[in-house]
C-alpha atoms as a PDB file:
ATOM      1  CA  MET A   1       0.000   0.000   0.000  1.00  0.00           C
ATOM      2  CA  ALA A   2       1.390   3.384  -0.983  1.00  0.00           C
ATOM      3  CA  ALA A   3       2.542   5.743   1.767  1.00  0.00           C
ATOM      4  CA  HIS A   4       0.048   8.333   0.615  1.00  0.00           C
ATOM      5  CA  ASP A   5      -2.892   5.902   0.678  1.00  0.00           C
ATOM      6  CA  THR A   6      -6.187   7.118   2.044  1.00  0.00           C
ATOM      7  CA  LEU A   7      -5.890   5.729   5.537  1.00  0.00           C
ATOM      8  CA  ALA A   8      -2.398   4.753   6.564  1.00  0.00           C
ATOM      9  CA  ARG A   9      -2.304   1.487   8.469  1.00  0.00           C
ATOM     10  CA  SER A  10       0.997   1.915  10.244  1.00  0.00           C
ATOM     11  CA  GLY A  11       2.595   4.346  12.655  1.00  0.00           C
ATOM     12  CA  PRO A  12       0.852   6.762  15.031  1.00  0.00           C
ATOM     13  CA  ALA A  13      -1.686   7.780  12.355  1.00  0.00           C
ATOM     14  CA  ARG A  14      -3.090   4.243  12.090  1.00  0.00           C
ATOM     15  CA  LEU A  15      -6.886   3.939  12.136  1.00  0.00           C
ATOM     16  CA  SER A  16      -8.405   0.739  13.466  1.00  0.00           C
ATOM     17  CA  LEU A  17     -11.282  -0.700  11.469  1.00  0.00           C
ATOM     18  CA  MET A  18     -14.058  -0.582  14.049  1.00  0.00           C
ATOM     19  CA  PRO A  19     -13.869   3.146  14.942  1.00  0.00           C
ATOM     20  CA  THR A  20     -13.816   4.044  11.248  1.00  0.00           C
ATOM     21  CA  ARG A  21     -16.845   1.912  10.468  1.00  0.00           C
ATOM     22  CA  VAL A  22     -18.729   3.188  13.516  1.00  0.00           C
ATOM     23  CA  ALA A  23     -18.006   6.790  12.521  1.00  0.00           C
ATOM     24  CA  GLY A  24     -19.265   6.216   8.978  1.00  0.00           C
ATOM     25  CA  TRP A  25     -22.468   4.510   9.996  1.00  0.00           C
ATOM     26  CA  SER A  26     -22.990   7.150  12.676  1.00  0.00           C
ATOM     27  CA  GLY A  27     -22.782   9.827   9.993  1.00  0.00           C
ATOM     28  CA  LEU A  28     -25.500   8.137   7.955  1.00  0.00           C
ATOM     29  CA  ALA A  29     -27.650   7.750  11.080  1.00  0.00           C
ATOM     30  CA  MET A  30     -27.142  11.436  11.897  1.00  0.00           C
ATOM     31  CA  LEU A  31     -28.190  12.353   8.365  1.00  0.00           C
ATOM     32  CA  LEU A  32     -31.361  10.300   8.717  1.00  0.00           C
ATOM     33  CA  ALA A  33     -32.153  11.990  12.042  1.00  0.00           C
ATOM     34  CA  ILE A  34     -31.651  15.435  10.478  1.00  0.00           C
ATOM     35  CA  ILE A  35     -33.968  14.592   7.584  1.00  0.00           C
ATOM     36  CA  VAL A  36     -36.658  13.222   9.891  1.00  0.00           C
ATOM     37  CA  ASN A  37     -36.530  16.270  12.162  1.00  0.00           C
ATOM     38  CA  GLY A  38     -36.062  18.805   9.373  1.00  0.00           C
ATOM     39  CA  PRO A  39     -37.651  18.312   5.951  1.00  0.00           C
ATOM     40  CA  LEU A  40     -40.093  15.740   7.368  1.00  0.00           C
ATOM     41  CA  SER A  41     -41.087  17.913  10.342  1.00  0.00           C
ATOM     42  CA  ALA A  42     -44.613  18.150   8.932  1.00  0.00           C
ATOM     43  CA  LEU A  43     -45.132  14.648  10.301  1.00  0.00           C
ATOM     44  CA  ARG A  44     -45.130  16.039  13.840  1.00  0.00           C
ATOM     45  CA  GLY A  45     -47.940  18.417  12.985  1.00  0.00           C
ATOM     46  CA  LEU A  46     -46.016  21.635  13.623  1.00  0.00           C
ATOM     47  CA  PRO A  47     -47.389  24.364  11.312  1.00  0.00           C
ATOM     48  CA  ASP A  48     -45.015  26.239   9.024  1.00  0.00           C
ATOM     49  CA  TYR A  49     -44.538  29.694  10.554  1.00  0.00           C
ATOM     50  CA  TRP A  50     -44.018  31.375   7.174  1.00  0.00           C
ATOM     51  CA  THR A  51     -47.524  30.721   5.809  1.00  0.00           C
ATOM     52  CA  VAL A  52     -50.203  33.410   5.760  1.00  0.00           C
ATOM     53  CA  GLY A  53     -52.472  31.596   8.225  1.00  0.00           C
ATOM     54  CA  ALA A  54     -49.650  30.462  10.528  1.00  0.00           C
ATOM     55  CA  ALA A  55     -50.935  32.259  13.638  1.00  0.00           C
ATOM     56  CA  ALA A  56     -54.321  30.522  13.468  1.00  0.00           C
ATOM     57  CA  ASP A  57     -52.676  27.187  12.651  1.00  0.00           C
ATOM     58  CA  ILE A  58     -50.332  27.433  15.643  1.00  0.00           C
ATOM     59  CA  ALA A  59     -53.232  28.337  17.952  1.00  0.00           C
ATOM     60  CA  THR A  60     -55.031  25.180  16.796  1.00  0.00           C
ATOM     61  CA  TYR A  61     -51.835  23.163  17.186  1.00  0.00           C
ATOM     62  CA  LEU A  62     -51.268  24.317  20.771  1.00  0.00           C
ATOM     63  CA  ALA A  63     -54.807  23.255  21.668  1.00  0.00           C
ATOM     64  CA  ASP A  64     -54.350  19.722  20.306  1.00  0.00           C
ATOM     65  CA  PRO A  65     -52.715  17.441  22.948  1.00  0.00           C
ATOM     66  CA  PRO A  66     -52.138  14.469  20.588  1.00  0.00           C
ATOM     67  CA  ARG A  67     -50.162  16.655  18.193  1.00  0.00           C
ATOM     68  CA  LEU A  68     -48.212  18.140  21.094  1.00  0.00           C
ATOM     69  CA  ARG A  69     -47.287  14.674  22.353  1.00  0.00           C
ATOM     70  CA  LEU A  70     -46.141  13.777  18.836  1.00  0.00           C
ATOM     71  CA  ALA A  71     -43.925  16.879  18.875  1.00  0.00           C
ATOM     72  CA  VAL A  72     -42.318  15.674  22.111  1.00  0.00           C
ATOM     73  CA  LEU A  73     -41.594  12.329  20.441  1.00  0.00           C
ATOM     74  CA  PHE A  74     -39.842  14.141  17.612  1.00  0.00           C
ATOM     75  CA  PHE A  75     -37.941  16.163  20.200  1.00  0.00           C
ATOM     76  CA  PHE A  76     -36.612  12.895  21.589  1.00  0.00           C
ATOM     77  CA  LEU A  77     -35.677  11.729  18.089  1.00  0.00           C
ATOM     78  CA  SER A  78     -33.803  14.995  17.521  1.00  0.00           C
ATOM     79  CA  THR A  79     -31.332  14.027  20.244  1.00  0.00           C
ATOM     80  CA  LEU A  80     -30.140  11.269  17.909  1.00  0.00           C
ATOM     81  CA  ILE A  81     -28.529  13.996  15.791  1.00  0.00           C
ATOM     82  CA  PHE A  82     -26.080  14.613  18.636  1.00  0.00           C
ATOM     83  CA  VAL A  83     -25.809  10.956  19.647  1.00  0.00           C
ATOM     84  CA  PHE A  84     -24.676   9.932  16.162  1.00  0.00           C
ATOM     85  CA  GLY A  85     -23.061  13.227  15.208  1.00  0.00           C
ATOM     86  CA  MET A  86     -20.355  13.087  17.864  1.00  0.00           C
ATOM     87  CA  PRO A  87     -18.780   9.789  16.722  1.00  0.00           C
ATOM     88  CA  PHE A  88     -19.080  10.952  13.106  1.00  0.00           C
ATOM     89  CA  VAL A  89     -17.084  14.100  13.846  1.00  0.00           C
ATOM     90  CA  ALA A  90     -14.608  12.080  15.911  1.00  0.00           C
ATOM     91  CA  GLY A  91     -14.122   9.765  12.926  1.00  0.00           C
ATOM     92  CA  LEU A  92     -13.444  12.713  10.632  1.00  0.00           C
ATOM     93  CA  ARG A  93     -10.817  13.980  13.057  1.00  0.00           C
ATOM     94  CA  LEU A  94      -9.183  10.545  13.015  1.00  0.00           C
ATOM     95  CA  ALA A  95      -9.109  10.682   9.221  1.00  0.00           C
ATOM     96  CA  LEU A  96      -7.487  14.119   9.293  1.00  0.00           C
ATOM     97  CA  ARG A  97      -4.887  12.888  11.742  1.00  0.00           C
ATOM     98  CA  ALA A  98      -4.203   9.786   9.645  1.00  0.00           C
ATOM     99  CA  HIS A  99      -3.366  11.968   6.668  1.00  0.00           C
ATOM    100  CA  GLY A 100      -1.064  14.168   8.683  1.00  0.00           C
ATOM    101  CA  SER A 101      -3.278  17.257   8.362  1.00  0.00           C
ATOM    102  CA  SER A 102      -2.492  20.300  10.433  1.00  0.00           C
ATOM    103  CA  ASP A 103      -4.011  20.468  13.913  1.00  0.00           C
ATOM    104  CA  LEU A 104      -5.578  23.716  12.752  1.00  0.00           C
ATOM    105  CA  PHE A 105      -8.010  21.863  10.485  1.00  0.00           C
ATOM    106  CA  SER A 106      -8.867  19.347  13.193  1.00  0.00           C
ATOM    107  CA  SER A 107      -9.501  22.139  15.693  1.00  0.00           C
ATOM    108  CA  VAL A 108     -11.692  24.086  13.259  1.00  0.00           C
ATOM    109  CA  LEU A 109     -13.670  20.897  12.606  1.00  0.00           C
ATOM    110  CA  ALA A 110     -14.238  20.384  16.333  1.00  0.00           C
ATOM    111  CA  ILE A 111     -15.258  23.999  16.982  1.00  0.00           C
ATOM    112  CA  GLY A 112     -17.477  24.233  13.894  1.00  0.00           C
ATOM    113  CA  ALA A 113     -19.229  20.951  14.708  1.00  0.00           C
ATOM    114  CA  GLY A 114     -19.729  22.111  18.281  1.00  0.00           C
ATOM    115  CA  LEU A 115     -21.432  25.289  17.066  1.00  0.00           C
ATOM    116  CA  PHE A 116     -23.601  23.220  14.736  1.00  0.00           C
ATOM    117  CA  PHE A 117     -24.730  20.983  17.581  1.00  0.00           C
ATOM    118  CA  ALA A 118     -25.314  23.996  19.847  1.00  0.00           C
ATOM    119  CA  GLY A 119     -27.406  25.787  17.222  1.00  0.00           C
ATOM    120  CA  GLY A 120     -29.410  22.632  16.612  1.00  0.00           C
ATOM    121  CA  LEU A 121     -29.975  22.190  20.342  1.00  0.00           C
ATOM    122  CA  VAL A 122     -31.255  25.754  20.755  1.00  0.00           C
ATOM    123  CA  SER A 123     -33.429  25.364  17.671  1.00  0.00           C
ATOM    124  CA  GLU A 124     -35.006  22.102  18.858  1.00  0.00           C
ATOM    125  CA  VAL A 125     -35.652  23.472  22.344  1.00  0.00           C
ATOM    126  CA  MET A 126     -37.366  26.554  20.906  1.00  0.00           C
ATOM    127  CA  SER A 127     -39.211  24.593  18.229  1.00  0.00           C
ATOM    128  CA  THR A 128     -40.707  22.060  20.633  1.00  0.00           C
ATOM    129  CA  GLY A 129     -40.606  24.364  23.638  1.00  0.00           C
ATOM    130  CA  MET A 130     -44.158  25.635  23.358  1.00  0.00           C
ATOM    131  CA  ALA A 131     -45.500  22.085  23.136  1.00  0.00           C
ATOM    132  CA  THR A 132     -43.596  20.979  26.235  1.00  0.00           C
ATOM    133  CA  VAL A 133     -44.730  24.046  28.183  1.00  0.00           C
ATOM    134  CA  VAL A 134     -48.392  23.454  27.322  1.00  0.00           C
ATOM    135  CA  LEU A 135     -48.160  19.787  28.299  1.00  0.00           C
ATOM    136  CA  ALA A 136     -46.081  20.317  31.445  1.00  0.00           C
ATOM    137  CA  ALA A 137     -47.681  23.507  32.818  1.00  0.00           C
ATOM    138  CA  PRO A 138     -51.485  23.178  32.948  1.00  0.00           C
ATOM    139  CA  SER A 139     -51.951  26.807  34.033  1.00  0.00           C
ATOM    140  CA  TYR A 140     -50.028  28.187  31.084  1.00  0.00           C
ATOM    141  CA  VAL A 141     -52.112  30.231  28.637  1.00  0.00           C
ATOM    142  CA  PRO A 142     -50.749  29.827  25.085  1.00  0.00           C
ATOM    143  CA  ASP A 143     -50.124  32.944  23.021  1.00  0.00           C
ATOM    144  CA  ALA A 144     -50.222  32.153  19.315  1.00  0.00           C
ATOM    145  CA  ASN A 145     -48.396  35.333  18.335  1.00  0.00           C
ATOM    146  CA  ALA A 146     -45.560  34.676  20.790  1.00  0.00           C
ATOM    147  CA  ALA A 147     -45.358  31.070  19.590  1.00  0.00           C
ATOM    148  CA  LEU A 148     -45.101  32.322  16.011  1.00  0.00           C
ATOM    149  CA  ALA A 149     -42.167  34.565  16.956  1.00  0.00           C
ATOM    150  CA  VAL A 150     -40.424  31.693  18.738  1.00  0.00           C
ATOM    151  CA  GLN A 151     -40.780  29.481  15.669  1.00  0.00           C
ATOM    152  CA  ALA A 152     -39.175  32.137  13.482  1.00  0.00           C
ATOM    153  CA  LEU A 153     -36.344  32.684  15.975  1.00  0.00           C
ATOM    154  CA  GLN A 154     -35.575  28.971  16.211  1.00  0.00           C
ATOM    155  CA  PHE A 155     -34.909  28.889  12.485  1.00  0.00           C
ATOM    156  CA  ALA A 156     -32.515  31.828  12.811  1.00  0.00           C
ATOM    157  CA  ALA A 157     -30.630  29.949  15.543  1.00  0.00           C
ATOM    158  CA  LEU A 158     -30.531  26.855  13.342  1.00  0.00           C
ATOM    159  CA  LEU A 159     -29.015  28.741  10.405  1.00  0.00           C
ATOM    160  CA  GLN A 160     -26.340  30.290  12.624  1.00  0.00           C
ATOM    161  CA  GLY A 161     -25.384  26.866  13.911  1.00  0.00           C
ATOM    162  CA  GLN A 162     -25.228  25.494  10.388  1.00  0.00           C
ATOM    163  CA  VAL A 163     -22.710  28.185   9.496  1.00  0.00           C
ATOM    164  CA  GLY A 164     -20.437  26.447  12.002  1.00  0.00           C
ATOM    165  CA  LEU A 165     -21.043  23.194  10.151  1.00  0.00           C
ATOM    166  CA  GLY A 166     -20.174  24.917   6.882  1.00  0.00           C
ATOM    167  CA  VAL A 167     -16.836  26.067   8.289  1.00  0.00           C
ATOM    168  CA  ALA A 168     -16.167  22.524   9.566  1.00  0.00           C
ATOM    169  CA  ILE A 169     -16.957  21.062   6.136  1.00  0.00           C
ATOM    170  CA  LEU A 170     -14.622  23.537   4.443  1.00  0.00           C
ATOM    171  CA  ALA A 171     -11.836  22.632   6.879  1.00  0.00           C
ATOM    172  CA  VAL A 172     -12.209  18.921   6.114  1.00  0.00           C
ATOM    173  CA  SER A 173     -12.417  19.560   2.365  1.00  0.00           C
ATOM    174  CA  VAL A 174      -9.275  21.684   2.236  1.00  0.00           C
ATOM    175  CA  ALA A 175      -7.347  19.291   4.469  1.00  0.00           C
ATOM    176  CA  MET A 176      -8.357  16.188   2.500  1.00  0.00           C
ATOM    177  CA  TRP A 177      -8.178  17.677  -1.016  1.00  0.00           C
ATOM    178  CA  ARG A 178      -5.056  15.724  -1.961  1.00  0.00           C
ATOM    179  CA  ALA A 179      -5.954  12.572  -0.013  1.00  0.00           C
ATOM    180  CA  ALA A 180      -6.550   9.510  -2.174  1.00  0.00           C
ATOM    181  CA  GLY A 181     -10.215   8.625  -2.367  1.00  0.00           C
ATOM    182  CA  TRP A 182     -11.415  11.910  -0.842  1.00  0.00           C
ATOM    183  CA  ARG A 183     -11.455  14.197  -3.900  1.00  0.00           C
ATOM    184  CA  ALA A 184     -15.204  13.798  -4.561  1.00  0.00           C
ATOM    185  CA  VAL A 185     -15.995  14.385  -0.881  1.00  0.00           C
ATOM    186  CA  ALA A 186     -13.762  17.453  -0.820  1.00  0.00           C
ATOM    187  CA  THR A 187     -15.230  18.874  -4.035  1.00  0.00           C
ATOM    188  CA  VAL A 188     -18.806  18.607  -2.798  1.00  0.00           C
ATOM    189  CA  GLY A 189     -17.657  19.925   0.571  1.00  0.00           C
ATOM    190  CA  LEU A 190     -16.195  23.106  -0.891  1.00  0.00           C
ATOM    191  CA  VAL A 191     -19.529  23.848  -2.557  1.00  0.00           C
ATOM    192  CA  ALA A 192     -21.711  22.816   0.398  1.00  0.00           C
ATOM    193  CA  GLY A 193     -19.568  24.645   2.937  1.00  0.00           C
ATOM    194  CA  ALA A 194     -19.593  27.868   0.943  1.00  0.00           C
ATOM    195  CA  ILE A 195     -23.370  27.695   0.561  1.00  0.00           C
ATOM    196  CA  ASP A 196     -23.794  27.127   4.302  1.00  0.00           C
ATOM    197  CA  LEU A 197     -21.818  30.305   4.985  1.00  0.00           C
ATOM    198  CA  ALA A 198     -24.235  32.276   2.814  1.00  0.00           C
ATOM    199  CA  ARG A 199     -27.486  30.659   3.961  1.00  0.00           C
ATOM    200  CA  PRO A 200     -28.177  33.213   6.745  1.00  0.00           C
ATOM    201  CA  LEU A 201     -28.904  35.672   3.911  1.00  0.00           C
ATOM    202  CA  ALA A 202     -32.006  33.560   3.241  1.00  0.00           C
ATOM    203  CA  VAL A 203     -33.193  33.565   6.876  1.00  0.00           C
ATOM    204  CA  ALA A 204     -36.350  35.434   5.831  1.00  0.00           C
ATOM    205  CA  MET A 205     -36.938  32.909   3.012  1.00  0.00           C
ATOM    206  CA  PRO A 206     -37.189  29.582   4.888  1.00  0.00           C
ATOM    207  CA  VAL A 207     -38.100  27.429   1.885  1.00  0.00           C
ATOM    208  CA  LEU A 208     -35.029  28.622  -0.030  1.00  0.00           C
ATOM    209  CA  ALA A 209     -32.790  28.273   3.030  1.00  0.00           C
ATOM    210  CA  ILE A 210     -33.950  24.685   3.551  1.00  0.00           C
ATOM    211  CA  ALA A 211     -33.410  23.824  -0.122  1.00  0.00           C
ATOM    212  CA  LEU A 212     -29.866  25.224   0.031  1.00  0.00           C
ATOM    213  CA  PHE A 213     -28.997  22.688   2.741  1.00  0.00           C
ATOM    214  CA  VAL A 214     -29.313  19.778   0.288  1.00  0.00           C
ATOM    215  CA  PRO A 215     -25.626  19.909  -0.786  1.00  0.00           C
ATOM    216  CA  THR A 216     -24.690  19.462   2.886  1.00  0.00           C
ATOM    217  CA  PHE A 217     -26.861  16.343   3.038  1.00  0.00           C
ATOM    218  CA  VAL A 218     -24.929  15.010   0.055  1.00  0.00           C
ATOM    219  CA  TRP A 219     -21.591  15.804   1.685  1.00  0.00           C
ATOM    220  CA  ILE A 220     -22.504  14.068   4.950  1.00  0.00           C
ATOM    221  CA  ALA A 221     -23.556  10.975   2.991  1.00  0.00           C
ATOM    222  CA  LEU A 222     -20.366  10.935   0.893  1.00  0.00           C
ATOM    223  CA  ALA A 223     -18.076  11.514   3.885  1.00  0.00           C
ATOM    224  CA  SER A 224     -19.854   8.783   5.847  1.00  0.00           C
ATOM    225  CA  LEU A 225     -19.532   6.291   2.991  1.00  0.00           C
ATOM    226  CA  ARG A 226     -15.870   7.185   2.593  1.00  0.00           C
ATOM    227  CA  LEU A 227     -15.234   6.402   6.256  1.00  0.00           C
ATOM    228  CA  ILE A 228     -17.072   3.090   5.896  1.00  0.00           C
ATOM    229  CA  ARG A 229     -15.219   2.161   2.703  1.00  0.00           C
ATOM    230  CA  ALA A 230     -11.908   2.908   4.370  1.00  0.00           C
ATOM    231  CA  ASP A 231     -12.292  -0.370   6.272  1.00  0.00           C
ATOM    232  CA  ALA A 232     -11.996  -2.295   3.030  1.00  0.00           C
ATOM    233  CA  ARG A 233      -8.660  -0.812   2.060  1.00  0.00           C
END
């Protein structure tokens, strides 16, 4: 095996098979959790805050206990993003180390991923927060207008956190550009990361902002598969 091969199997940069495979599958599981809690959020019955009749829809939603309990279930499922995301990021850091990348890239990856997780956490708490308050505090009187504002703010927090993910993706892409087997991942990453940096400009256009996250989905899938395939080398 050439010294520049994708994942060196000797010396301090060696990657054992199991952590690499776990990281790759964790990335795919994280992607699935993001899709379920993002684009498929309509399944939990939460109205889209950007529609004309959103205030009335949210008032109806807050008065419907079954839909609120479904939202809490999705809140639980959202924690899987962090559960699977952490080993995925750890696996990417192992890959960077195996290729002798600068500690700068590894550090940027860790910080950017941390901001992504933090933004997602704030977003999920705000998104499902009204439902949990209504269910947990019987004396609480829901305010549809306040709930509408919270829903809009949670999306702003989400976009800010995803900027951190964009920076992390760019760091991995630059670091792994010359690594064998990573060129496709790096190419998609340069595009996806750059788009993520610009997505806050679309914060007032949620549908567009959501659509612009698709390249990041592709990058997560490609990076995860690359980590899994590394076990076969």
